[in-house]
Each structure stands twice: as C-alpha cells, then as structure tokens.
Amino acid sequence: MREVFVPDLINGALKHFKSRYELVRVAALRANSLIRGDAPLLDKKDIAGHKSTIISLMEIKEGLWKKK
C-alpha cells in the first residue's frame, strides 16, 4: 500500500476544478462508481488497501478522471 497524505491529494486534485464543491461532487460520483464495481484506472499495487474515496481522489489528481 502506497502511503497517501490526504491534504496533498486534495490540493493536487483541486488543480483540475474551480472550486472544492465541484471536486467533492465529482469525487463522490467516481467513488460511487468504484463501489458499484467499475474498474480503477490506477495500478492495483498503488491502490491496494485504500478506500474508494481515496482512490477517486488519486485518479482525479493524476488527471485520469474528468468531470462529466
């Protein structure tokens, strides 16, 4: 499991959005899709042991998930 510092994750993900509220909305949508069974866009070794909320923020920070 890769160590993740959540404030860095949030600040990195905010670069893709105008406001925190929009980031929360999009991250929640992605986290729910991961819970429903969608495949993660990151390597399995990078996300092992993390919850769907953290995985969704990691994907957004890396630019793999855009708002819909």
Protein backbone atom coordinates (compact mmCIF):
# COMPACT_ATOMS: atom_id res chain seq x y z
CA MET A 1 0.00 0.00 0.00
CA ARG A 2 1.33 3.37 -1.02
CA GLU A 3 1.27 6.00 1.73
CA VAL A 4 -1.05 8.89 0.92
CA PHE A 5 -1.14 12.32 2.57
CA VAL A 6 -4.75 13.42 2.06
CA PRO A 7 -4.19 17.23 2.03
CA ASP A 8 -1.65 16.82 -0.78
CA LEU A 9 -4.11 14.61 -2.62
CA ILE A 10 -6.88 17.19 -2.32
CA ASN A 11 -4.67 20.11 -3.32
CA GLY A 12 -3.42 18.19 -6.34
CA ALA A 13 -6.95 17.29 -7.38
CA LEU A 14 -8.12 20.90 -6.97
CA LYS A 15 -5.88 21.91 -9.88
CA HIS A 16 -8.48 20.36 -12.19
CA PHE A 17 -11.51 22.17 -10.72
CA LYS A 18 -12.64 25.72 -10.00
CA SER A 19 -13.96 25.00 -6.51
CA ARG A 20 -13.83 22.48 -3.71
CA TYR A 21 -17.56 21.87 -4.08
CA GLU A 22 -17.17 20.74 -7.66
CA LEU A 23 -14.28 18.47 -6.65
CA VAL A 24 -16.38 16.90 -3.89
CA ARG A 25 -19.26 16.28 -6.28
CA VAL A 26 -17.08 14.65 -8.95
CA ALA A 27 -15.05 12.63 -6.42
CA ALA A 28 -18.28 11.33 -4.88
CA LEU A 29 -19.58 10.27 -8.29
CA ARG A 30 -16.36 8.40 -9.02
CA ALA A 31 -16.22 6.81 -5.55
CA ASN A 32 -19.79 5.54 -6.00
CA SER A 33 -18.94 4.10 -9.40
CA LEU A 34 -15.96 2.28 -7.86
CA ILE A 35 -18.21 0.89 -5.13
CA ARG A 36 -20.65 -0.35 -7.79
CA GLY A 37 -17.85 -2.28 -9.46
CA ASP A 38 -16.16 -0.06 -12.04
CA ALA A 39 -12.50 -0.89 -12.58
CA PRO A 40 -9.96 1.52 -11.06
CA LEU A 41 -7.85 3.48 -13.53
CA LEU A 42 -4.66 3.17 -11.46
CA ASP A 43 -2.36 0.19 -10.97
CA LYS A 44 -3.57 -2.37 -8.46
CA LYS A 45 -0.35 -2.07 -6.43
CA ASP A 46 -0.84 1.69 -6.00
CA ILE A 47 -4.39 1.42 -4.70
CA ALA A 48 -4.15 -1.74 -2.61
CA GLY A 49 -5.75 -1.20 0.78
CA HIS A 50 -7.25 2.21 0.02
CA LYS A 51 -10.95 3.04 0.16
CA SER A 52 -12.89 4.18 -2.87
CA THR A 53 -12.87 7.84 -1.77
CA ILE A 54 -9.07 7.94 -1.70
CA ILE A 55 -8.82 6.05 -4.99
CA SER A 56 -11.17 8.53 -6.66
CA LEU A 57 -9.06 11.48 -5.44
CA MET A 58 -5.89 9.74 -6.63
CA GLU A 59 -7.42 9.27 -10.10
CA ILE A 60 -8.54 12.89 -10.26
CA LYS A 61 -5.14 14.17 -9.13
CA GLU A 62 -3.41 12.12 -11.86
CA GLY A 63 -5.81 13.53 -14.46
CA LEU A 64 -7.32 10.14 -15.24
CA TRP A 65 -10.87 11.10 -14.27
CA LYS A 66 -12.54 14.24 -15.61
CA LYS A 67 -15.88 15.72 -14.71
CA LYS A 68 -18.86 14.52 -16.68
